[in-house]
């Protein structure tokens, strides 16, 4: 699949990018090379290769959930620019 300048111009328009003529030429060349490489990868025989989510074995890296005491409310709200006795005060967003 060849990438044309028109393809790059369309993607730039959709991404709201303003590219110069030099940038368009460079992007067309770079993207064409990337697509050519991906096409080359499609030729690799993957028969018998099990699909995987990660290239290396990954074990659970999350800590166990455990209940611990949280900060006291006053300490948690200490640096808030707007607060009351219950929590943070923020400007209304839905016209109220």
C-alpha atoms as a PDB file:
ATOM      1  CA  UNK A   1       0.000   0.000   0.000  1.00  0.00           C
ATOM      2  CA  UNK A   2       1.528   3.276  -1.087  1.00  0.00           C
ATOM      3  CA  UNK A   3       0.989   6.474   0.867  1.00  0.00           C
ATOM      4  CA  UNK A   4       0.410   9.496  -1.343  1.00  0.00           C
ATOM      5  CA  UNK A   5       0.784  13.161  -0.595  1.00  0.00           C
ATOM      6  CA  UNK A   6      -3.015  13.424  -0.779  1.00  0.00           C
ATOM      7  CA  UNK A   7      -3.274  10.791   1.988  1.00  0.00           C
ATOM      8  CA  UNK A   8      -0.928  12.787   4.199  1.00  0.00           C
ATOM      9  CA  UNK A   9      -2.781  16.027   3.452  1.00  0.00           C
ATOM     10  CA  UNK A  10      -6.087  14.381   4.413  1.00  0.00           C
ATOM     11  CA  UNK A  11      -4.696  13.012   7.685  1.00  0.00           C
ATOM     12  CA  UNK A  12      -3.113  16.395   8.462  1.00  0.00           C
ATOM     13  CA  UNK A  13      -6.463  18.080   7.852  1.00  0.00           C
ATOM     14  CA  UNK A  14      -8.277  15.621  10.120  1.00  0.00           C
ATOM     15  CA  UNK A  15      -5.615  16.098  12.812  1.00  0.00           C
ATOM     16  CA  UNK A  16      -5.818  19.884  12.403  1.00  0.00           C
ATOM     17  CA  UNK A  17      -2.112  20.056  11.491  1.00  0.00           C
ATOM     18  CA  UNK A  18      -0.688  22.761   9.276  1.00  0.00           C
ATOM     19  CA  UNK A  19       2.255  21.203   7.449  1.00  0.00           C
ATOM     20  CA  UNK A  20       4.628  22.996   5.126  1.00  0.00           C
ATOM     21  CA  UNK A  21       5.446  21.587   1.688  1.00  0.00           C
ATOM     22  CA  UNK A  22       8.715  20.232   3.074  1.00  0.00           C
ATOM     23  CA  UNK A  23       6.944  18.583   6.018  1.00  0.00           C
ATOM     24  CA  UNK A  24       4.343  17.059   3.701  1.00  0.00           C
ATOM     25  CA  UNK A  25       7.085  15.609   1.515  1.00  0.00           C
ATOM     26  CA  UNK A  26       8.974  14.258   4.531  1.00  0.00           C
ATOM     27  CA  UNK A  27       5.830  12.771   6.117  1.00  0.00           C
ATOM     28  CA  UNK A  28       4.830  11.130   2.829  1.00  0.00           C
ATOM     29  CA  UNK A  29       8.256   9.499   2.565  1.00  0.00           C
ATOM     30  CA  UNK A  30       8.368   8.466   6.237  1.00  0.00           C
ATOM     31  CA  UNK A  31       4.846   7.039   6.289  1.00  0.00           C
ATOM     32  CA  UNK A  32       5.452   5.169   3.033  1.00  0.00           C
ATOM     33  CA  UNK A  33       8.539   3.556   4.563  1.00  0.00           C
ATOM     34  CA  UNK A  34       6.579   2.600   7.691  1.00  0.00           C
ATOM     35  CA  UNK A  35       3.766   1.031   5.653  1.00  0.00           C
ATOM     36  CA  UNK A  36       6.316  -0.832   3.506  1.00  0.00           C
ATOM     37  CA  UNK A  37       7.913  -2.231   6.664  1.00  0.00           C
ATOM     38  CA  UNK A  38       4.544  -3.301   8.099  1.00  0.00           C
ATOM     39  CA  UNK A  39       3.753  -5.015   4.779  1.00  0.00           C
ATOM     40  CA  UNK A  40       7.078  -6.826   5.081  1.00  0.00           C
ATOM     41  CA  UNK A  41       6.115  -8.035   8.566  1.00  0.00           C
ATOM     42  CA  UNK A  42       2.882  -9.454   7.138  1.00  0.00           C
ATOM     43  CA  UNK A  43       4.991 -11.881   5.083  1.00  0.00           C
ATOM     44  CA  UNK A  44       6.423 -13.561   8.196  1.00  0.00           C
ATOM     45  CA  UNK A  45       5.159 -17.113   8.737  1.00  0.00           C
ATOM     46  CA  UNK A  46       3.315 -17.099  12.065  1.00  0.00           C
ATOM     47  CA  UNK A  47       1.834 -20.562  11.712  1.00  0.00           C
ATOM     48  CA  UNK A  48       1.888 -22.240  15.101  1.00  0.00           C
ATOM     49  CA  UNK A  49       2.841 -19.068  16.972  1.00  0.00           C
ATOM     50  CA  UNK A  50       0.560 -18.484  19.933  1.00  0.00           C
ATOM     51  CA  UNK A  51      -0.921 -14.966  20.121  1.00  0.00           C
ATOM     52  CA  UNK A  52       0.275 -12.946  23.089  1.00  0.00           C
ATOM     53  CA  UNK A  53      -0.449  -9.693  24.843  1.00  0.00           C
ATOM     54  CA  UNK A  54       3.132  -9.160  26.059  1.00  0.00           C
ATOM     55  CA  UNK A  55       6.500 -10.201  24.683  1.00  0.00           C
ATOM     56  CA  UNK A  56       7.648 -11.358  28.122  1.00  0.00           C
ATOM     57  CA  UNK A  57       5.844 -13.179  30.904  1.00  0.00           C
ATOM     58  CA  UNK A  58       4.161 -10.682  33.205  1.00  0.00           C
ATOM     59  CA  UNK A  59       3.026 -11.449  36.703  1.00  0.00           C
ATOM     60  CA  UNK A  60       0.603  -9.420  38.766  1.00  0.00           C
ATOM     61  CA  UNK A  61       2.456  -6.263  39.747  1.00  0.00           C
ATOM     62  CA  UNK A  62      -0.344  -4.824  41.831  1.00  0.00           C
ATOM     63  CA  UNK A  63      -0.222  -4.815  45.605  1.00  0.00           C
ATOM     64  CA  UNK A  64      -2.950  -6.562  47.519  1.00  0.00           C
ATOM     65  CA  UNK A  65      -5.875  -4.361  48.461  1.00  0.00           C
ATOM     66  CA  UNK A  66      -5.828  -3.698  52.145  1.00  0.00           C
ATOM     67  CA  UNK A  67      -7.875  -1.381  54.277  1.00  0.00           C
ATOM     68  CA  UNK A  68      -5.749   1.315  55.872  1.00  0.00           C
ATOM     69  CA  UNK A  69      -6.646   4.518  57.652  1.00  0.00           C
ATOM     70  CA  UNK A  70      -6.856   7.551  55.398  1.00  0.00           C
ATOM     71  CA  UNK A  71      -5.832  11.129  56.090  1.00  0.00           C
ATOM     72  CA  UNK A  72      -7.986  13.026  58.545  1.00  0.00           C
ATOM     73  CA  UNK A  73     -10.405  15.295  56.657  1.00  0.00           C
ATOM     74  CA  UNK A  74      -8.776  18.492  57.954  1.00  0.00           C
ATOM     75  CA  UNK A  75      -5.341  17.364  56.792  1.00  0.00           C
ATOM     76  CA  UNK A  76      -6.646  16.308  53.358  1.00  0.00           C
ATOM     77  CA  UNK A  77      -8.357  19.689  52.866  1.00  0.00           C
ATOM     78  CA  UNK A  78      -5.547  21.779  54.374  1.00  0.00           C
ATOM     79  CA  UNK A  79      -4.192  23.128  51.061  1.00  0.00           C
ATOM     80  CA  UNK A  80      -7.467  23.320  49.148  1.00  0.00           C
ATOM     81  CA  UNK A  81      -8.181  26.821  47.813  1.00  0.00           C
ATOM     82  CA  UNK A  82     -11.914  26.348  48.428  1.00  0.00           C
ATOM     83  CA  UNK A  83     -13.360  24.084  51.087  1.00  0.00           C
ATOM     84  CA  UNK A  84     -15.972  23.776  53.777  1.00  0.00           C
ATOM     85  CA  UNK A  85     -16.391  21.334  56.673  1.00  0.00           C
ATOM     86  CA  UNK A  86     -17.466  18.547  54.265  1.00  0.00           C
ATOM     87  CA  UNK A  87     -15.061  18.769  51.313  1.00  0.00           C
ATOM     88  CA  UNK A  88     -13.672  20.717  48.377  1.00  0.00           C
ATOM     89  CA  UNK A  89     -15.599  23.651  46.915  1.00  0.00           C
ATOM     90  CA  UNK A  90     -15.445  24.003  43.147  1.00  0.00           C
ATOM     91  CA  UNK A  91     -17.166  26.378  40.723  1.00  0.00           C
ATOM     92  CA  UNK A  92     -20.448  25.057  39.305  1.00  0.00           C
ATOM     93  CA  UNK A  93     -20.165  23.565  35.844  1.00  0.00           C
ATOM     94  CA  UNK A  94     -23.776  22.963  34.956  1.00  0.00           C
ATOM     95  CA  UNK A  95     -25.165  26.431  35.562  1.00  0.00           C
ATOM     96  CA  UNK A  96     -26.136  26.408  39.158  1.00  0.00           C
END
